[in-house]
Amino acid sequence: MSWINIEKVNWEQHPFLDVKIKKLVSKEKDGADVTIFLAKLSKGQEIQEHVHETSDDVLFPLEGKGKIYIEGSGEYDLFPGVLVRVPRNTKHRVSAEEDLLYFDVFAPPMF
């Protein structure tokens, strides 16, 4: 069981990408079967194309606007009220048209 006050979690550098995150739930910290973090991108920032070989990636925007490109599927708008699932082993990239804040969930856990 986890109960987390997100405001008390510190921002840190993502271990692989140029993105600030708040690690909320993880296998390494909580023994969970999922990784959940809060991510933020600044306006104009882009996460280059990448793949999560062993995890589905679910993005749930909370603030701002952006785009996600998913190989084999196309480009989609990111904004509060949408949810996007990227299947494991699928190339994708994210860009921020405005400052973008979103929950990012990985199952099975990424770390």
N, C-alpha and C. Protein backbone atom coordinates (compact mmCIF):
# COMPACT_ATOMS: atom_id res chain seq x y z
N MET A 1 0.85 -1.17 0.00
CA MET A 1 0.00 0.00 0.00
C MET A 1 0.89 1.23 0.00
N SER A 2 0.50 2.25 -0.75
CA SER A 2 1.26 3.50 -0.79
C SER A 2 0.30 4.68 -0.65
N TRP A 3 0.68 5.62 0.17
CA TRP A 3 -0.02 6.90 0.31
C TRP A 3 1.08 7.95 0.21
N ILE A 4 0.98 8.82 -0.81
CA ILE A 4 2.07 9.74 -1.11
C ILE A 4 1.55 11.15 -1.25
N ASN A 5 2.16 12.07 -0.53
CA ASN A 5 1.89 13.49 -0.71
C ASN A 5 2.87 13.99 -1.77
N ILE A 6 2.38 14.15 -2.98
CA ILE A 6 3.24 14.48 -4.12
C ILE A 6 4.02 15.77 -3.90
N GLU A 7 3.44 16.72 -3.19
CA GLU A 7 4.11 18.00 -2.93
C GLU A 7 5.40 17.81 -2.12
N LYS A 8 5.49 16.75 -1.34
CA LYS A 8 6.66 16.52 -0.49
C LYS A 8 7.75 15.70 -1.17
N VAL A 9 7.48 15.22 -2.38
CA VAL A 9 8.47 14.44 -3.13
C VAL A 9 9.32 15.42 -3.95
N ASN A 10 10.63 15.26 -3.88
CA ASN A 10 11.55 16.15 -4.58
C ASN A 10 11.66 15.80 -6.06
N TRP A 11 11.85 16.84 -6.88
CA TRP A 11 12.14 16.63 -8.29
C TRP A 11 13.56 16.11 -8.41
N GLU A 12 13.79 15.19 -9.35
CA GLU A 12 15.12 14.67 -9.62
C GLU A 12 15.28 14.44 -11.11
N GLN A 13 16.50 14.21 -11.53
CA GLN A 13 16.78 13.95 -12.93
C GLN A 13 16.38 12.52 -13.28
N HIS A 14 15.66 12.34 -14.38
CA HIS A 14 15.34 11.00 -14.89
C HIS A 14 16.66 10.26 -15.12
N PRO A 15 16.72 8.96 -14.84
CA PRO A 15 18.00 8.24 -14.97
C PRO A 15 18.51 8.08 -16.40
N PHE A 16 17.64 8.21 -17.42
CA PHE A 16 18.08 7.99 -18.80
C PHE A 16 17.85 9.19 -19.71
N LEU A 17 16.92 10.07 -19.36
CA LEU A 17 16.49 11.15 -20.26
C LEU A 17 16.68 12.52 -19.61
N ASP A 18 16.65 13.56 -20.42
CA ASP A 18 16.78 14.93 -19.92
C ASP A 18 15.41 15.44 -19.50
N VAL A 19 14.89 14.86 -18.41
CA VAL A 19 13.55 15.17 -17.92
C VAL A 19 13.59 15.19 -16.39
N LYS A 20 12.87 16.11 -15.79
CA LYS A 20 12.72 16.13 -14.34
C LYS A 20 11.53 15.26 -13.96
N ILE A 21 11.71 14.45 -12.91
CA ILE A 21 10.64 13.56 -12.46
C ILE A 21 10.55 13.56 -10.94
N LYS A 22 9.38 13.16 -10.47
CA LYS A 22 9.17 12.83 -9.06
C LYS A 22 8.83 11.35 -9.02
N LYS A 23 9.74 10.53 -8.48
CA LYS A 23 9.45 9.10 -8.36
C LYS A 23 8.41 8.90 -7.26
N LEU A 24 7.28 8.35 -7.63
CA LEU A 24 6.19 8.17 -6.68
C LEU A 24 6.09 6.73 -6.20
N VAL A 25 6.10 5.78 -7.12
CA VAL A 25 6.03 4.36 -6.78
C VAL A 25 7.01 3.63 -7.69
N SER A 26 7.79 2.71 -7.11
CA SER A 26 8.72 1.94 -7.93
C SER A 26 8.97 0.57 -7.31
N LYS A 27 9.50 -0.30 -8.13
CA LYS A 27 9.86 -1.63 -7.64
C LYS A 27 11.01 -1.52 -6.64
N GLU A 28 12.01 -0.70 -6.99
CA GLU A 28 13.19 -0.60 -6.13
C GLU A 28 12.87 0.00 -4.76
N LYS A 29 11.96 0.96 -4.72
CA LYS A 29 11.64 1.64 -3.46
C LYS A 29 10.50 0.97 -2.70
N ASP A 30 9.48 0.51 -3.43
CA ASP A 30 8.25 0.03 -2.81
C ASP A 30 7.96 -1.45 -3.02
N GLY A 31 8.77 -2.11 -3.86
CA GLY A 31 8.48 -3.50 -4.19
C GLY A 31 7.24 -3.65 -5.06
N ALA A 32 6.86 -2.57 -5.74
CA ALA A 32 5.63 -2.55 -6.54
C ALA A 32 5.83 -3.19 -7.91
N ASP A 33 4.73 -3.65 -8.50
CA ASP A 33 4.76 -4.23 -9.84
C ASP A 33 4.50 -3.18 -10.91
N VAL A 34 4.74 -1.92 -10.56
CA VAL A 34 4.52 -0.80 -11.47
C VAL A 34 5.47 0.33 -11.07
N THR A 35 5.85 1.15 -12.03
CA THR A 35 6.59 2.38 -11.76
C THR A 35 5.66 3.54 -12.10
N ILE A 36 5.54 4.49 -11.18
CA ILE A 36 4.73 5.69 -11.42
C ILE A 36 5.57 6.90 -11.06
N PHE A 37 5.68 7.83 -11.99
CA PHE A 37 6.31 9.10 -11.65
C PHE A 37 5.58 10.26 -12.29
N LEU A 38 5.82 11.43 -11.75
CA LEU A 38 5.33 12.68 -12.30
C LEU A 38 6.47 13.25 -13.12
N ALA A 39 6.20 13.65 -14.35
CA ALA A 39 7.23 14.19 -15.23
C ALA A 39 6.84 15.59 -15.68
N LYS A 40 7.85 16.43 -15.90
CA LYS A 40 7.56 17.76 -16.44
C LYS A 40 8.55 18.10 -17.54
N LEU A 41 7.98 18.65 -18.60
CA LEU A 41 8.75 19.16 -19.73
C LEU A 41 8.47 20.64 -19.86
N SER A 42 9.48 21.40 -20.18
CA SER A 42 9.31 22.83 -20.43
C SER A 42 8.86 23.04 -21.87
N LYS A 43 8.16 24.14 -22.11
CA LYS A 43 7.72 24.49 -23.45
C LYS A 43 8.90 24.36 -24.42
N GLY A 44 8.68 23.65 -25.53
CA GLY A 44 9.70 23.47 -26.55
C GLY A 44 10.62 22.28 -26.30
N GLN A 45 10.57 21.68 -25.14
CA GLN A 45 11.42 20.53 -24.83
C GLN A 45 10.87 19.28 -25.49
N GLU A 46 11.77 18.37 -25.87
CA GLU A 46 11.36 17.12 -26.50
C GLU A 46 12.12 15.95 -25.89
N ILE A 47 11.42 14.87 -25.66
CA ILE A 47 12.05 13.60 -25.31
C ILE A 47 12.24 12.86 -26.63
N GLN A 48 13.48 12.64 -27.00
CA GLN A 48 13.79 12.01 -28.27
C GLN A 48 13.19 10.61 -28.36
N GLU A 49 13.07 10.12 -29.58
CA GLU A 49 12.51 8.80 -29.81
C GLU A 49 13.26 7.75 -28.99
N HIS A 50 12.50 6.88 -28.34
CA HIS A 50 13.07 5.84 -27.51
C HIS A 50 12.08 4.68 -27.39
N VAL A 51 12.53 3.60 -26.75
CA VAL A 51 11.74 2.38 -26.61
C VAL A 51 11.86 1.88 -25.18
N HIS A 52 10.76 1.37 -24.64
CA HIS A 52 10.79 0.64 -23.38
C HIS A 52 10.57 -0.82 -23.76
N GLU A 53 11.64 -1.60 -23.75
CA GLU A 53 11.58 -2.96 -24.29
C GLU A 53 10.69 -3.89 -23.48
N THR A 54 10.58 -3.66 -22.18
CA THR A 54 9.86 -4.63 -21.35
C THR A 54 8.62 -4.07 -20.66
N SER A 55 8.30 -2.77 -20.88
CA SER A 55 7.17 -2.15 -20.17
C SER A 55 6.25 -1.41 -21.12
N ASP A 56 4.94 -1.50 -20.87
CA ASP A 56 4.00 -0.57 -21.47
C ASP A 56 4.20 0.77 -20.78
N ASP A 57 3.97 1.86 -21.50
CA ASP A 57 4.14 3.21 -20.97
C ASP A 57 2.79 3.92 -21.09
N VAL A 58 2.24 4.37 -19.96
CA VAL A 58 0.95 5.05 -19.95
C VAL A 58 1.17 6.49 -19.50
N LEU A 59 0.76 7.45 -20.33
CA LEU A 59 0.90 8.88 -20.02
C LEU A 59 -0.47 9.47 -19.75
N PHE A 60 -0.55 10.26 -18.67
CA PHE A 60 -1.80 10.91 -18.28
C PHE A 60 -1.49 12.39 -17.98
N PRO A 61 -1.68 13.28 -18.96
CA PRO A 61 -1.37 14.69 -18.77
C PRO A 61 -2.26 15.36 -17.72
N LEU A 62 -1.63 16.21 -16.91
CA LEU A 62 -2.33 16.97 -15.88
C LEU A 62 -2.42 18.45 -16.22
N GLU A 63 -1.37 19.00 -16.85
CA GLU A 63 -1.31 20.42 -17.20
C GLU A 63 -0.56 20.58 -18.51
N GLY A 64 -0.94 21.59 -19.28
CA GLY A 64 -0.20 21.93 -20.49
C GLY A 64 -0.66 21.16 -21.71
N LYS A 65 0.12 21.33 -22.79
CA LYS A 65 -0.19 20.69 -24.06
C LYS A 65 1.10 20.19 -24.70
N GLY A 66 0.97 19.09 -25.43
CA GLY A 66 2.12 18.53 -26.13
C GLY A 66 1.66 17.57 -27.20
N LYS A 67 2.62 16.84 -27.73
CA LYS A 67 2.38 15.84 -28.77
C LYS A 67 3.13 14.58 -28.40
N ILE A 68 2.58 13.44 -28.79
CA ILE A 68 3.30 12.18 -28.71
C ILE A 68 3.22 11.52 -30.07
N TYR A 69 4.36 11.06 -30.54
CA TYR A 69 4.42 10.29 -31.78
C TYR A 69 4.68 8.84 -31.39
N ILE A 70 3.87 7.92 -31.92
CA ILE A 70 4.01 6.50 -31.64
C ILE A 70 4.19 5.78 -32.97
N GLU A 71 5.32 5.10 -33.10
CA GLU A 71 5.63 4.41 -34.35
C GLU A 71 4.52 3.42 -34.69
N GLY A 72 4.10 3.45 -35.95
CA GLY A 72 3.08 2.53 -36.42
C GLY A 72 1.66 3.00 -36.14
N SER A 73 1.53 4.13 -35.42
CA SER A 73 0.20 4.61 -35.06
C SER A 73 -0.02 6.06 -35.45
N GLY A 74 1.00 6.90 -35.25
CA GLY A 74 0.90 8.30 -35.64
C GLY A 74 1.15 9.25 -34.50
N GLU A 75 0.73 10.51 -34.70
CA GLU A 75 0.94 11.57 -33.72
C GLU A 75 -0.39 11.93 -33.05
N TYR A 76 -0.33 12.17 -31.74
CA TYR A 76 -1.52 12.47 -30.96
C TYR A 76 -1.27 13.67 -30.06
N ASP A 77 -2.33 14.43 -29.81
CA ASP A 77 -2.25 15.56 -28.89
C ASP A 77 -2.24 15.06 -27.45
N LEU A 78 -1.45 15.73 -26.62
CA LEU A 78 -1.45 15.49 -25.17
C LEU A 78 -2.03 16.72 -24.49
N PHE A 79 -3.02 16.51 -23.65
CA PHE A 79 -3.62 17.60 -22.87
C PHE A 79 -4.42 16.95 -21.74
N PRO A 80 -4.74 17.70 -20.69
CA PRO A 80 -5.51 17.12 -19.58
C PRO A 80 -6.82 16.52 -20.09
N GLY A 81 -7.09 15.30 -19.66
CA GLY A 81 -8.31 14.62 -20.07
C GLY A 81 -8.07 13.47 -21.04
N VAL A 82 -6.85 13.35 -21.57
CA VAL A 82 -6.54 12.20 -22.42
C VAL A 82 -5.59 11.26 -21.68
N LEU A 83 -5.58 10.02 -22.13
CA LEU A 83 -4.66 9.01 -21.62
C LEU A 83 -4.11 8.27 -22.83
N VAL A 84 -2.80 8.02 -22.83
CA VAL A 84 -2.16 7.35 -23.95
C VAL A 84 -1.38 6.15 -23.43
N ARG A 85 -1.60 4.98 -24.04
CA ARG A 85 -0.80 3.80 -23.71
C ARG A 85 0.09 3.46 -24.91
N VAL A 86 1.39 3.41 -24.64
CA VAL A 86 2.36 3.01 -25.65
C VAL A 86 2.75 1.56 -25.35
N PRO A 87 2.46 0.63 -26.26
CA PRO A 87 2.83 -0.77 -26.01
C PRO A 87 4.35 -0.94 -25.87
N ARG A 88 4.74 -1.90 -25.05
CA ARG A 88 6.17 -2.18 -24.88
C ARG A 88 6.83 -2.41 -26.24
N ASN A 89 8.10 -2.08 -26.30
CA ASN A 89 8.93 -2.27 -27.49
C ASN A 89 8.43 -1.47 -28.70
N THR A 90 7.81 -0.30 -28.43
CA THR A 90 7.32 0.57 -29.50
C THR A 90 8.02 1.92 -29.41
N LYS A 91 8.63 2.35 -30.51
CA LYS A 91 9.31 3.64 -30.53
C LYS A 91 8.29 4.76 -30.35
N HIS A 92 8.68 5.77 -29.57
CA HIS A 92 7.82 6.94 -29.35
C HIS A 92 8.65 8.12 -28.90
N ARG A 93 8.09 9.33 -29.06
CA ARG A 93 8.74 10.56 -28.60
C ARG A 93 7.65 11.52 -28.13
N VAL A 94 8.04 12.41 -27.24
CA VAL A 94 7.10 13.36 -26.64
C VAL A 94 7.67 14.76 -26.78
N SER A 95 6.81 15.73 -27.11
CA SER A 95 7.25 17.13 -27.17
C SER A 95 6.22 18.01 -26.45
N ALA A 96 6.71 19.11 -25.89
CA ALA A 96 5.86 20.03 -25.13
C ALA A 96 5.61 21.29 -25.94
N GLU A 97 4.35 21.57 -26.24
CA GLU A 97 3.98 22.83 -26.90
C GLU A 97 3.82 23.94 -25.86
N GLU A 98 3.49 23.55 -24.65
CA GLU A 98 3.43 24.41 -23.46
C GLU A 98 4.13 23.62 -22.36
N ASP A 99 4.40 24.25 -21.22
CA ASP A 99 4.90 23.47 -20.10
C ASP A 99 3.95 22.30 -19.89
N LEU A 100 4.49 21.10 -19.78
CA LEU A 100 3.69 19.89 -19.74
C LEU A 100 4.00 19.09 -18.47
N LEU A 101 2.97 18.77 -17.72
CA LEU A 101 3.08 17.98 -16.50
C LEU A 101 2.20 16.75 -16.67
N TYR A 102 2.77 15.56 -16.44
CA TYR A 102 1.98 14.34 -16.65
C TYR A 102 2.45 13.21 -15.74
N PHE A 103 1.49 12.34 -15.41
CA PHE A 103 1.82 11.09 -14.77
C PHE A 103 2.34 10.14 -15.84
N ASP A 104 3.39 9.40 -15.52
CA ASP A 104 3.94 8.39 -16.41
C ASP A 104 3.98 7.07 -15.64
N VAL A 105 3.34 6.05 -16.20
CA VAL A 105 3.18 4.76 -15.52
C VAL A 105 3.78 3.68 -16.40
N PHE A 106 4.57 2.80 -15.77
CA PHE A 106 5.20 1.70 -16.50
C PHE A 106 4.83 0.37 -15.85
N ALA A 107 4.37 -0.57 -16.69
CA ALA A 107 4.03 -1.89 -16.18
C ALA A 107 4.47 -2.92 -17.21
N PRO A 108 5.23 -3.94 -16.79
CA PRO A 108 5.86 -4.07 -15.49
C PRO A 108 6.80 -2.90 -15.20
N PRO A 109 7.26 -2.80 -13.94
CA PRO A 109 8.03 -1.63 -13.54
C PRO A 109 9.31 -1.44 -14.32
N MET A 110 9.67 -0.17 -14.54
CA MET A 110 10.91 0.16 -15.23
C MET A 110 12.08 0.19 -14.24
N PHE A 111 11.83 0.72 -13.03
CA PHE A 111 12.86 0.74 -11.98
C PHE A 111 12.18 0.81 -10.64
